[in-house]
Protein backbone atom coordinates (compact mmCIF):
# COMPACT_ATOMS: atom_id res chain seq x y z
CA UNK A 1 -0.11 0.10 -0.06
CA UNK A 2 1.30 3.48 -1.01
CA UNK A 3 0.84 6.38 1.40
CA UNK A 4 -1.47 9.05 0.49
CA UNK A 5 0.61 12.01 1.21
CA UNK A 6 4.30 12.48 1.47
CA UNK A 7 5.77 11.66 5.00
CA UNK A 8 6.35 14.41 7.21
CA UNK A 9 8.97 14.84 10.02
CA UNK A 10 7.98 14.36 13.59
CA UNK A 11 9.39 17.92 14.15
CA UNK A 12 6.99 19.47 11.56
CA UNK A 13 3.96 17.55 12.72
CA UNK A 14 4.69 18.66 16.40
CA UNK A 15 5.54 22.27 15.82
CA UNK A 16 2.21 22.55 13.65
CA UNK A 17 0.23 20.97 16.54
CA UNK A 18 1.76 23.74 18.75
CA UNK A 19 0.64 26.37 16.24
CA UNK A 20 -2.83 24.92 15.94
CA UNK A 21 -3.30 24.93 19.71
CA UNK A 22 -2.24 28.33 19.98
CA UNK A 23 -4.74 29.56 17.49
CA UNK A 24 -7.43 27.52 18.90
CA UNK A 25 -6.62 28.78 22.35
CA UNK A 26 -7.14 32.35 20.79
CA UNK A 27 -10.35 31.32 19.16
CA UNK A 28 -11.57 30.09 22.73
CA UNK A 29 -10.74 33.44 24.32
CA UNK A 30 -12.58 35.30 21.64
CA UNK A 31 -15.68 32.92 21.68
CA UNK A 32 -15.75 33.38 25.40
CA UNK A 33 -15.90 37.23 25.11
CA UNK A 34 -18.61 37.03 22.66
CA UNK A 35 -20.84 34.87 24.53
CA UNK A 36 -19.70 36.28 28.14
CA UNK A 37 -22.76 38.75 28.07
CA UNK A 38 -24.63 41.59 26.96
CA UNK A 39 -21.75 44.10 27.10
CA UNK A 40 -20.79 44.05 23.38
CA UNK A 41 -22.08 46.48 20.83
CA UNK A 42 -23.14 44.85 17.43
CA UNK A 43 -19.95 46.24 15.80
CA UNK A 44 -17.82 44.96 18.71
CA UNK A 45 -19.39 41.36 18.32
CA UNK A 46 -19.14 41.30 14.57
CA UNK A 47 -15.22 42.41 14.79
CA UNK A 48 -14.81 39.44 17.30
CA UNK A 49 -16.66 37.12 15.03
CA UNK A 50 -14.76 38.14 12.08
CA UNK A 51 -11.36 37.76 14.16
CA UNK A 52 -12.51 34.40 15.25
CA UNK A 53 -13.47 33.42 11.71
CA UNK A 54 -10.01 34.43 10.53
CA UNK A 55 -8.27 32.42 13.04
CA UNK A 56 -10.31 29.31 12.15
CA UNK A 57 -9.54 29.74 8.62
CA UNK A 58 -5.79 29.90 9.56
CA UNK A 59 -6.23 26.55 11.61
CA UNK A 60 -8.05 24.90 8.56
CA UNK A 61 -5.47 26.09 6.20
CA UNK A 62 -2.38 25.48 7.97
CA UNK A 63 0.25 23.72 5.86
CA UNK A 64 2.61 21.69 8.14
CA UNK A 65 5.23 21.76 5.41
CA UNK A 66 5.32 25.52 5.56
CA UNK A 67 7.69 25.60 8.50
CA UNK A 68 8.16 29.61 8.31
CA UNK A 69 4.42 29.98 8.64
CA UNK A 70 4.09 27.53 11.63
CA UNK A 71 7.03 29.20 13.46
CA UNK A 72 5.40 32.73 12.72
CA UNK A 73 2.29 31.67 14.25
CA UNK A 74 3.99 30.19 17.31
CA UNK A 75 6.03 33.31 17.91
CA UNK A 76 3.16 35.56 17.49
CA UNK A 77 0.40 33.92 19.25
CA UNK A 78 2.55 32.36 22.14
CA UNK A 79 3.38 35.79 23.75
CA UNK A 80 -0.18 37.05 23.07
CA UNK A 81 -1.88 34.14 24.83
CA UNK A 82 0.49 34.65 27.78
CA UNK A 83 -0.34 38.42 28.30
CA UNK A 84 -4.01 39.18 28.27
CA UNK A 85 -3.30 43.07 27.28
CA UNK A 86 -1.19 42.24 24.36
CA UNK A 87 -3.82 39.51 23.17
CA UNK A 88 -6.67 41.98 23.30
CA UNK A 89 -4.54 44.78 21.70
CA UNK A 90 -3.92 42.42 18.57
CA UNK A 91 -7.53 41.43 18.36
CA UNK A 92 -8.57 45.10 18.17
């Protein structure tokens, strides 16, 4: 039986999983904010929904062989998820 795709290195798979976890963590925070209560304006809600959709698109289209994109996601979103101020500034 032949593989259906080229084999990937263990490193590529692990780094892609880290990037996906970071993007999903960001999506979770945004979704939590959207559903936290009635304090959002329609414009704020739409902006947050668009940001969440953009992150979802990134997760769905992540190419684990594109290590530069994977590493960019990790270096960008890792610090943002560790610093709430930095995170929400980036989402605005």
